[in-house]
Protein backbone atom coordinates (compact mmCIF):
# COMPACT_ATOMS: atom_id res chain seq x y z
CA PRO A 1 -16.24 5.51 11.60
CA ASP A 2 -18.57 5.85 8.63
CA GLY A 3 -17.53 2.66 6.83
CA ARG A 4 -15.31 4.46 4.32
CA ILE A 5 -11.73 3.77 3.38
CA LYS A 6 -9.32 6.11 1.61
CA ILE A 7 -7.29 4.77 -1.28
CA GLU A 8 -4.24 6.68 -2.52
CA PHE A 9 -2.37 5.73 -5.68
CA PHE A 10 1.42 5.92 -5.96
CA GLU A 11 1.08 7.13 -9.56
CA ASN A 12 -1.50 9.19 -11.44
CA VAL A 13 -4.43 7.19 -12.81
CA LYS A 14 -6.92 8.08 -15.53
CA GLY A 15 -10.59 7.26 -15.80
CA VAL A 16 -11.45 6.98 -12.10
CA ALA A 17 -14.79 8.67 -11.46
CA PRO A 18 -17.43 8.87 -8.72
CA GLY A 19 -20.01 6.11 -8.97
CA GLN A 20 -17.64 3.49 -10.36
CA SER A 21 -16.99 0.26 -8.49
CA ALA A 22 -13.76 -0.29 -6.58
CA VAL A 23 -13.06 -4.00 -6.10
CA PHE A 24 -10.18 -5.52 -4.15
CA TYR A 25 -8.79 -8.95 -4.98
CA ASP A 26 -6.45 -11.45 -3.37
CA GLY A 27 -5.56 -13.53 -6.41
CA ASN A 28 -8.94 -14.57 -7.84
CA ASP A 29 -10.84 -13.97 -4.60
CA VAL A 30 -12.82 -10.77 -4.05
CA ILE A 31 -11.98 -9.52 -0.56
CA GLY A 32 -13.76 -6.17 -0.58
CA GLY A 33 -15.30 -3.43 -2.60
CA GLY A 34 -17.48 -0.40 -2.75
CA PHE A 35 -18.27 2.64 -4.84
CA ILE A 36 -15.95 5.52 -5.63
CA ASP A 37 -17.02 8.79 -4.05
CA LYS A 38 -15.65 12.28 -4.59
CA GLU A 39 -12.72 13.30 -2.41
């Protein structure tokens, strides 16, 4: 357990790059986040 989570998209996405923020919302509430790392 190194504190990482793996996110997989159902469809191809463009513009996702290491160093960008990944933020998770429930409606208007931020429920988690982190930085995108290389796979």
